[in-house]
Amino acid sequence: METKVDDEVNVTDYSEEFADIPQAIIDYKDANWMVRRMREQEEAIQRINEQQVDEIGRILARARELREAHESRLEYLKAKCEPLLQEFTRKEIDGKKERSIKLLSGTVGFRKGVGSLDFTDEPAAVAWAEANLPDAIKVTVTLQKKPVKDLVEGTGEVPPGCEYTPGEDKFYIKIV
């Protein structure tokens, strides 16, 4: 059976299991009783999580062991077969527009390489771009939140284009 608590949260009704929940908190004993019951449930959840982690660990270790054996075999096959497949493919596509060969178990071929550019002396590259390729220059301006927030919290003044929402106290239960 499900019930609504505070018109927001759907929870299962455990009123029979916890029939001894006090209707009001009269003293520290009642408050501690409630927190202790919550702690017991958290401990049960923790035990389940630990068992889950152990079981998943065993499964992952076995899968890793099996996977590594196949990865090792695959590396060996690639090292032995790739040069032969490259040579075969080059001969088969020589003089043709195609850059690959479709086989029943897959495709072998060559992809066009993409060049790369590294700036080894960025100030020199920027100076050159300013003079020769201004479209390559990008200037970025950013606004840092912390100094503006500090100003708002210190003075109460909210700058144009900003909205400040003060923090609210939030109730918590710390189970130890």
Protein backbone atom coordinates (compact mmCIF):
# COMPACT_ATOMS: atom_id res chain seq x y z
CA MET A 1 0.00 0.00 0.00
CA GLU A 2 1.36 3.44 -0.89
CA THR A 3 0.55 6.65 0.86
CA LYS A 4 1.48 10.29 0.36
CA VAL A 5 3.68 11.98 2.91
CA ASP A 6 3.67 15.80 2.87
CA ASP A 7 1.71 15.63 -0.42
CA GLU A 8 4.99 15.14 -2.30
CA VAL A 9 6.63 11.76 -1.71
CA ASN A 10 5.07 8.38 -2.46
CA VAL A 11 6.27 5.83 0.10
CA THR A 12 5.19 2.35 1.02
CA ASP A 13 3.09 2.20 4.16
CA TYR A 14 4.97 0.29 6.88
CA SER A 15 2.64 1.35 9.70
CA GLU A 16 2.19 -2.25 10.86
CA GLU A 17 5.94 -2.91 11.04
CA PHE A 18 6.56 0.34 12.86
CA ALA A 19 3.39 0.44 14.94
CA ASP A 20 5.41 1.68 17.92
CA ILE A 21 6.34 5.01 16.29
CA PRO A 22 5.46 7.70 18.84
CA GLN A 23 2.67 10.02 17.76
CA ALA A 24 4.62 12.97 19.15
CA ILE A 25 8.15 13.58 20.30
CA ILE A 26 8.03 14.22 24.02
CA ASP A 27 11.71 13.98 24.86
CA TYR A 28 15.18 13.07 23.60
CA LYS A 29 14.36 9.38 24.08
CA ASP A 30 11.56 9.55 21.47
CA ALA A 31 13.70 11.56 19.03
CA ASN A 32 16.61 9.14 19.47
CA TRP A 33 14.27 6.16 18.93
CA MET A 34 13.24 7.58 15.54
CA VAL A 35 16.80 8.32 14.44
CA ARG A 36 17.96 4.87 15.67
CA ARG A 37 15.30 3.17 13.50
CA MET A 38 16.49 5.17 10.51
CA ARG A 39 20.10 4.21 11.29
CA GLU A 40 19.15 0.51 11.36
CA GLN A 41 17.68 0.81 7.86
CA GLU A 42 20.77 2.65 6.59
CA GLU A 43 22.98 -0.11 8.05
CA ALA A 44 20.90 -2.75 6.25
CA ILE A 45 21.25 -0.80 3.00
CA GLN A 46 25.03 -0.53 3.56
CA ARG A 47 25.32 -4.32 4.10
CA ILE A 48 23.45 -4.93 0.84
CA ASN A 49 25.67 -2.44 -0.99
CA GLU A 50 28.82 -4.12 0.34
CA GLN A 51 27.59 -7.54 -0.79
CA GLN A 52 26.72 -6.09 -4.17
CA VAL A 53 30.18 -4.55 -4.55
CA ASP A 54 31.86 -7.85 -3.62
CA GLU A 55 29.76 -9.81 -6.11
CA ILE A 56 30.26 -7.25 -8.87
CA GLY A 57 34.00 -7.29 -8.12
CA ARG A 58 34.14 -11.05 -8.62
CA ILE A 59 32.21 -10.83 -11.88
CA LEU A 60 34.37 -7.98 -13.17
CA ALA A 61 37.59 -9.84 -12.27
CA ARG A 62 36.45 -12.93 -14.18
CA ALA A 63 35.33 -10.87 -17.17
CA ARG A 64 38.66 -9.00 -17.15
CA GLU A 65 40.56 -12.31 -17.08
CA LEU A 66 38.59 -13.66 -20.06
CA ARG A 67 38.77 -10.37 -21.96
CA GLU A 68 42.55 -10.06 -21.48
CA ALA A 69 43.12 -13.51 -22.94
CA HIS A 70 41.16 -12.57 -26.07
CA GLU A 71 42.81 -9.14 -26.29
CA SER A 72 46.22 -10.82 -26.19
CA ARG A 73 45.23 -13.17 -29.02
CA LEU A 74 43.82 -10.25 -31.03
CA GLU A 75 47.07 -8.27 -30.65
CA TYR A 76 49.04 -11.28 -31.87
CA LEU A 77 46.76 -11.72 -34.89
CA LYS A 78 46.96 -8.03 -35.76
CA ALA A 79 50.75 -8.03 -35.54
CA LYS A 80 50.99 -11.10 -37.81
CA CYS A 81 48.18 -10.35 -40.26
CA GLU A 82 48.07 -6.56 -40.65
CA PRO A 83 51.19 -6.24 -42.82
CA LEU A 84 49.94 -9.05 -45.09
CA LEU A 85 46.47 -7.50 -45.33
CA GLN A 86 47.96 -4.06 -46.11
CA GLU A 87 50.07 -5.49 -48.91
CA PHE A 88 47.10 -7.42 -50.32
CA THR A 89 44.81 -4.39 -50.14
CA ARG A 90 47.33 -2.08 -51.80
CA LYS A 91 47.61 -4.52 -54.74
CA GLU A 92 43.84 -4.95 -55.04
CA ILE A 93 42.98 -1.23 -55.02
CA ASP A 94 45.98 -0.10 -57.10
CA GLY A 95 44.69 2.08 -59.93
CA LYS A 96 41.11 2.04 -58.65
CA LYS A 97 39.00 4.75 -57.06
CA GLU A 98 38.06 2.52 -54.12
CA ARG A 99 40.21 2.68 -50.99
CA SER A 100 38.81 -0.44 -49.32
CA ILE A 101 37.81 -4.05 -49.94
CA LYS A 102 34.68 -5.61 -48.48
CA LEU A 103 35.14 -9.15 -47.20
CA LEU A 104 32.58 -11.50 -45.64
CA SER A 105 34.02 -10.94 -42.14
CA GLY A 106 34.78 -7.26 -42.42
CA THR A 107 36.41 -4.55 -44.49
CA VAL A 108 40.07 -3.69 -45.05
CA GLY A 109 41.22 -0.42 -46.51
CA PHE A 110 42.95 2.89 -46.13
CA ARG A 111 41.52 6.10 -44.72
CA LYS A 112 42.79 9.52 -45.64
CA GLY A 113 45.03 10.85 -42.90
CA VAL A 114 44.12 14.17 -41.30
CA GLY A 115 46.91 16.67 -40.76
CA SER A 116 47.42 18.34 -37.40
CA LEU A 117 48.85 21.65 -36.30
CA ASP A 118 50.57 22.44 -33.01
CA PHE A 119 51.61 25.89 -31.85
CA THR A 120 55.19 25.52 -30.65
CA ASP A 121 55.59 29.27 -30.09
CA GLU A 122 52.07 30.63 -29.56
CA PRO A 123 53.03 34.33 -29.14
CA ALA A 124 54.88 34.21 -32.48
CA ALA A 125 51.92 32.45 -34.13
CA VAL A 126 49.49 35.04 -32.69
CA ALA A 127 51.67 37.93 -33.92
CA TRP A 128 51.77 36.37 -37.40
CA ALA A 129 47.98 35.77 -37.40
CA GLU A 130 47.27 39.36 -36.31
CA ALA A 131 49.23 40.63 -39.31
CA ASN A 132 48.28 37.99 -41.88
CA LEU A 133 45.11 36.12 -40.84
CA PRO A 134 43.02 38.24 -38.41
CA ASP A 135 40.04 35.85 -38.71
CA ALA A 136 42.12 33.29 -36.79
CA ILE A 137 42.24 35.54 -33.70
CA LYS A 138 39.56 34.99 -31.04
CA VAL A 139 39.25 37.16 -27.94
CA THR A 140 37.08 35.88 -25.08
CA VAL A 141 35.75 37.93 -22.15
CA THR A 142 34.30 36.11 -19.15
CA LEU A 143 32.65 37.33 -15.97
CA GLN A 144 33.64 35.60 -12.72
CA LYS A 145 30.75 34.88 -10.34
CA LYS A 146 32.62 34.93 -7.01
CA PRO A 147 33.69 38.62 -7.00
CA VAL A 148 30.20 39.73 -8.08
CA LYS A 149 28.52 37.48 -5.47
CA ASP A 150 30.89 38.79 -2.78
CA LEU A 151 29.96 42.36 -3.75
CA VAL A 152 26.22 41.57 -3.62
CA GLU A 153 26.53 39.84 -0.25
CA GLY A 154 28.71 42.64 1.11
CA THR A 155 26.75 45.62 -0.12
CA GLY A 156 23.30 44.28 -1.01
CA GLU A 157 23.64 45.90 -4.44
CA VAL A 158 22.69 43.57 -7.33
CA PRO A 159 24.29 44.71 -10.61
CA PRO A 160 22.17 44.98 -13.76
CA GLY A 161 21.84 41.65 -15.57
CA CYS A 162 22.24 39.68 -12.35
CA GLU A 163 19.79 37.96 -10.04
CA TYR A 164 20.70 37.01 -6.48
CA THR A 165 18.91 34.33 -4.48
CA PRO A 166 19.91 34.19 -0.82
CA GLY A 167 20.60 30.79 0.70
CA GLU A 168 17.95 29.18 2.90
CA ASP A 169 18.47 27.01 5.96
CA LYS A 170 17.71 23.37 5.21
CA PHE A 171 16.70 20.80 7.76
CA TYR A 172 18.83 17.68 7.97
CA ILE A 173 19.06 14.41 9.85
CA LYS A 174 22.58 13.09 10.47
CA ILE A 175 22.57 9.42 11.40
CA VAL A 176 25.65 8.22 13.26
